C-alpha atoms as a PDB file:
ATOM      1  CA  VAL A   1     -11.896   2.712  11.053  1.00  0.00           C
ATOM      2  CA  GLN A   2      -8.858   4.577  11.135  1.00  0.00           C
ATOM      3  CA  LEU A   3      -5.821   3.731   9.190  1.00  0.00           C
ATOM      4  CA  GLN A   4      -2.205   4.323   9.897  1.00  0.00           C
ATOM      5  CA  ALA A   5       0.600   4.173   7.534  1.00  0.00           C
ATOM      6  CA  SER A   6       4.280   4.016   9.308  1.00  0.00           C
ATOM      7  CA  GLY A   7       7.775   3.235   7.757  1.00  0.00           C
ATOM      8  CA  GLY A   8       8.479   5.744   5.375  1.00  0.00           C
ATOM      9  CA  GLY A   9      11.354   7.314   4.818  1.00  0.00           C
ATOM     10  CA  LEU A  10      15.011   8.597   3.271  1.00  0.00           C
ATOM     11  CA  VAL A  11      16.445   5.522   1.120  1.00  0.00           C
ATOM     12  CA  GLN A  12      19.329   5.560  -1.568  1.00  0.00           C
ATOM     13  CA  PRO A  13      18.653   3.586  -4.974  1.00  0.00           C
ATOM     14  CA  GLY A  14      18.584  -0.109  -4.799  1.00  0.00           C
ATOM     15  CA  VAL A  15      17.728  -0.278  -1.342  1.00  0.00           C
ATOM     16  CA  SER A  16      14.722  -1.971  -0.006  1.00  0.00           C
ATOM     17  CA  LEU A  17      11.973  -0.291   2.423  1.00  0.00           C
ATOM     18  CA  ARG A  18       8.873  -1.065   4.023  1.00  0.00           C
ATOM     19  CA  LEU A  19       5.430   0.392   5.026  1.00  0.00           C
ATOM     20  CA  SER A  20       3.016  -0.564   7.475  1.00  0.00           C
ATOM     21  CA  CYS A  21      -0.223   0.190   7.580  1.00  0.00           C
ATOM     22  CA  ALA A  22      -2.086  -0.565  10.982  1.00  0.00           C
ATOM     23  CA  GLY A  23      -6.239  -1.170  10.776  1.00  0.00           C
ATOM     24  CA  SER A  24      -8.301  -0.160  13.773  1.00  0.00           C
ATOM     25  CA  GLY A  25     -11.888  -0.960  13.617  1.00  0.00           C
ATOM     26  CA  LEU A  26     -12.087  -3.026  10.469  1.00  0.00           C
ATOM     27  CA  ARG A  27     -10.155  -6.505   9.639  1.00  0.00           C
ATOM     28  CA  TRP A  28      -7.776  -7.059   7.760  1.00  0.00           C
ATOM     29  CA  THR A  29      -8.907 -10.415   6.944  1.00  0.00           C
ATOM     30  CA  GLU A  30     -12.399  -9.213   5.335  1.00  0.00           C
ATOM     31  CA  HIS A  31     -11.459  -5.880   3.810  1.00  0.00           C
ATOM     32  CA  SER A  32      -9.473  -5.607   0.453  1.00  0.00           C
ATOM     33  CA  THR A  33      -5.905  -3.394   1.396  1.00  0.00           C
ATOM     34  CA  GLY A  34      -4.482  -1.213  -1.658  1.00  0.00           C
ATOM     35  CA  TRP A  35      -1.122   0.718  -1.744  1.00  0.00           C
ATOM     36  CA  PHE A  36      -1.427   4.314  -3.672  1.00  0.00           C
ATOM     37  CA  ARG A  37       1.077   7.029  -4.049  1.00  0.00           C
ATOM     38  CA  GLN A  38       1.562  10.406  -5.151  1.00  0.00           C
ATOM     39  CA  ALA A  39       4.375  12.009  -6.079  1.00  0.00           C
ATOM     40  CA  PRO A  40       4.802  16.572  -6.629  1.00  0.00           C
ATOM     41  CA  GLY A  41       2.710  17.544  -8.738  1.00  0.00           C
ATOM     42  CA  LYS A  42       1.300  14.124 -10.088  1.00  0.00           C
ATOM     43  CA  ASP A  43      -2.475  12.699  -9.909  1.00  0.00           C
ATOM     44  CA  ARG A  44      -2.342  10.149  -7.427  1.00  0.00           C
ATOM     45  CA  GLU A  45      -1.769   6.475  -8.599  1.00  0.00           C
ATOM     46  CA  PHE A  46      -2.592   2.968  -7.774  1.00  0.00           C
ATOM     47  CA  VAL A  47       1.123   0.672  -6.892  1.00  0.00           C
ATOM     48  CA  GLY A  48      -0.827  -3.016  -5.363  1.00  0.00           C
ATOM     49  CA  THR A  49      -3.729  -4.286  -3.559  1.00  0.00           C
ATOM     50  CA  ILE A  50      -4.673  -7.412  -2.175  1.00  0.00           C
ATOM     51  CA  ASN A  51      -7.688  -8.660  -1.308  1.00  0.00           C
ATOM     52  CA  TRP A  52      -9.481 -10.129   1.872  1.00  0.00           C
ATOM     53  CA  SER A  53      -8.852 -13.754   1.914  1.00  0.00           C
ATOM     54  CA  GLY A  54      -5.007 -12.591   0.633  1.00  0.00           C
ATOM     55  CA  ALA A  55      -5.428 -14.483  -2.165  1.00  0.00           C
ATOM     56  CA  ARG A  56      -4.843 -12.302  -4.815  1.00  0.00           C
ATOM     57  CA  THR A  57      -2.911  -9.865  -5.631  1.00  0.00           C
ATOM     58  CA  ARG A  58      -2.329  -7.295  -8.055  1.00  0.00           C
ATOM     59  CA  TYR A  59       0.486  -4.439  -8.926  1.00  0.00           C
ATOM     60  CA  SER A  60       0.875  -1.706 -10.760  1.00  0.00           C
ATOM     61  CA  ASN A  61       3.478  -2.170 -14.151  1.00  0.00           C
ATOM     62  CA  SER A  62       5.982  -0.319 -12.531  1.00  0.00           C
ATOM     63  CA  VAL A  63       6.336  -2.001  -9.191  1.00  0.00           C
ATOM     64  CA  LYS A  64       6.213  -5.169 -10.191  1.00  0.00           C
ATOM     65  CA  GLY A  65       8.238  -8.124  -9.316  1.00  0.00           C
ATOM     66  CA  ARG A  66       9.553  -5.394  -6.882  1.00  0.00           C
ATOM     67  CA  PHE A  67       7.189  -4.245  -4.438  1.00  0.00           C
ATOM     68  CA  PHE A  68       5.074  -7.617  -2.601  1.00  0.00           C
ATOM     69  CA  ILE A  69       2.254  -6.711   0.241  1.00  0.00           C
ATOM     70  CA  SER A  70       2.016  -9.154   3.129  1.00  0.00           C
ATOM     71  CA  ARG A  71      -0.449  -9.692   5.957  1.00  0.00           C
ATOM     72  CA  ASP A  72       1.053  -9.761   9.287  1.00  0.00           C
ATOM     73  CA  ILE A  73      -3.242 -11.041  10.741  1.00  0.00           C
ATOM     74  CA  ASP A  74      -2.494 -11.471  13.967  1.00  0.00           C
ATOM     75  CA  LYS A  75      -1.028  -7.643  14.263  1.00  0.00           C
ATOM     76  CA  ASN A  76      -4.114  -6.705  11.399  1.00  0.00           C
ATOM     77  CA  THR A  77      -1.671  -5.354   9.647  1.00  0.00           C
ATOM     78  CA  VAL A  78      -0.441  -4.991   5.840  1.00  0.00           C
ATOM     79  CA  HIS A  79       2.675  -4.538   4.638  1.00  0.00           C
ATOM     80  CA  LEU A  80       3.931  -2.941   1.546  1.00  0.00           C
ATOM     81  CA  GLN A  81       7.702  -4.205   1.058  1.00  0.00           C
ATOM     82  CA  MET A  82       9.594  -2.086  -1.497  1.00  0.00           C
ATOM     83  CA  ASN A  83      12.826  -3.570  -3.163  1.00  0.00           C
ATOM     84  CA  ASP A  84      15.328  -2.335  -5.490  1.00  0.00           C
ATOM     85  CA  LEU A  85      13.817   0.921  -4.751  1.00  0.00           C
ATOM     86  CA  LYS A  86      14.266   3.499  -7.560  1.00  0.00           C
ATOM     87  CA  PRO A  87      14.295   7.528  -7.634  1.00  0.00           C
ATOM     88  CA  GLU A  88      10.844   7.664  -9.659  1.00  0.00           C
ATOM     89  CA  ASP A  89       9.709   5.946  -6.600  1.00  0.00           C
ATOM     90  CA  THR A  90       9.280   8.556  -3.818  1.00  0.00           C
ATOM     91  CA  ALA A  91       5.846  10.017  -3.489  1.00  0.00           C
ATOM     92  CA  VAL A  92       4.053   9.693  -0.070  1.00  0.00           C
ATOM     93  CA  TYR A  93       2.525   6.551   0.154  1.00  0.00           C
ATOM     94  CA  TYR A  94      -1.033   5.610   1.153  1.00  0.00           C
ATOM     95  CA  CYS A  95      -2.965   2.920   2.646  1.00  0.00           C
ATOM     96  CA  ALA A  96      -6.668   2.015   1.922  1.00  0.00           C
ATOM     97  CA  ALA A  97      -9.525   0.349   2.909  1.00  0.00           C
ATOM     98  CA  ASP A  98     -12.123  -1.375   0.872  1.00  0.00           C
ATOM     99  CA  LYS A  99     -15.592  -0.579   2.649  1.00  0.00           C
ATOM    100  CA  GLU A 100     -17.364  -3.363   1.201  1.00  0.00           C
ATOM    101  CA  THR A 101     -16.001  -6.862   2.784  1.00  0.00           C
ATOM    102  CA  TYR A 102     -15.456 -10.502   1.449  1.00  0.00           C
ATOM    103  CA  VAL A 103     -14.932  -8.826  -2.079  1.00  0.00           C
ATOM    104  CA  ASN A 104     -12.810 -11.161  -4.263  1.00  0.00           C
ATOM    105  CA  GLU A 105     -11.610  -9.303  -7.408  1.00  0.00           C
ATOM    106  CA  ASN A 106      -9.100  -7.150  -7.053  1.00  0.00           C
ATOM    107  CA  ARG A 107      -9.718  -3.381  -6.235  1.00  0.00           C
ATOM    108  CA  LEU A 108      -7.846  -1.025  -9.071  1.00  0.00           C
ATOM    109  CA  PHE A 109      -9.587   2.211  -8.512  1.00  0.00           C
ATOM    110  CA  SER A 110      -8.963   5.041  -5.761  1.00  0.00           C
ATOM    111  CA  THR A 111     -13.030   5.696  -5.806  1.00  0.00           C
ATOM    112  CA  GLU A 112     -13.172   1.627  -4.713  1.00  0.00           C
ATOM    113  CA  TYR A 113     -11.901   2.987  -1.528  1.00  0.00           C
ATOM    114  CA  ALA A 114     -13.536   4.180   1.958  1.00  0.00           C
ATOM    115  CA  TYR A 115     -11.564   4.401   4.070  1.00  0.00           C
ATOM    116  CA  TRP A 116      -7.709   5.962   3.739  1.00  0.00           C
ATOM    117  CA  GLY A 117      -4.364   6.227   6.024  1.00  0.00           C
ATOM    118  CA  GLN A 118      -2.851   9.583   6.550  1.00  0.00           C
ATOM    119  CA  GLY A 119      -0.132   8.918   4.459  1.00  0.00           C
ATOM    120  CA  THR A 120       4.229   7.835   4.318  1.00  0.00           C
ATOM    121  CA  LYS A 121       6.631   9.836   2.826  1.00  0.00           C
ATOM    122  CA  VAL A 122       9.041   7.753   0.390  1.00  0.00           C
ATOM    123  CA  THR A 123      12.417  10.062  -1.033  1.00  0.00           C
ATOM    124  CA  VAL A 124      14.813   7.621  -2.821  1.00  0.00           C
ATOM    125  CA  SER A 125      17.484  10.183  -3.608  1.00  0.00           C
ATOM    126  CA  SER A 126      21.393   9.404  -3.367  1.00  0.00           C
END
């Protein structure tokens, strides 16, 4: 299993950015996807997740209403749409896949994910 995260960059506050996570060796229609981030000097934190069916999503309070997870099934890619970015969103963003399949409940903790992408850096600064 390999996950490839992309789409990060340097942006100004208030703009949008879309991150992508391409999966190989698994199908996003079978596994939950999680997005986490780690800011400099801080622990990795949960951002959002979508379950295998796409029917259930969950977001952290800090991004709720601004960030949205979607999937491109044909390309086996999961996207994290980030709107109205703030300086406090600056971090390395990681996508992750649940080892188990067809889990309906949202996975909120990093320990519940077995596969991780390499991370993509997002810097929000004026």
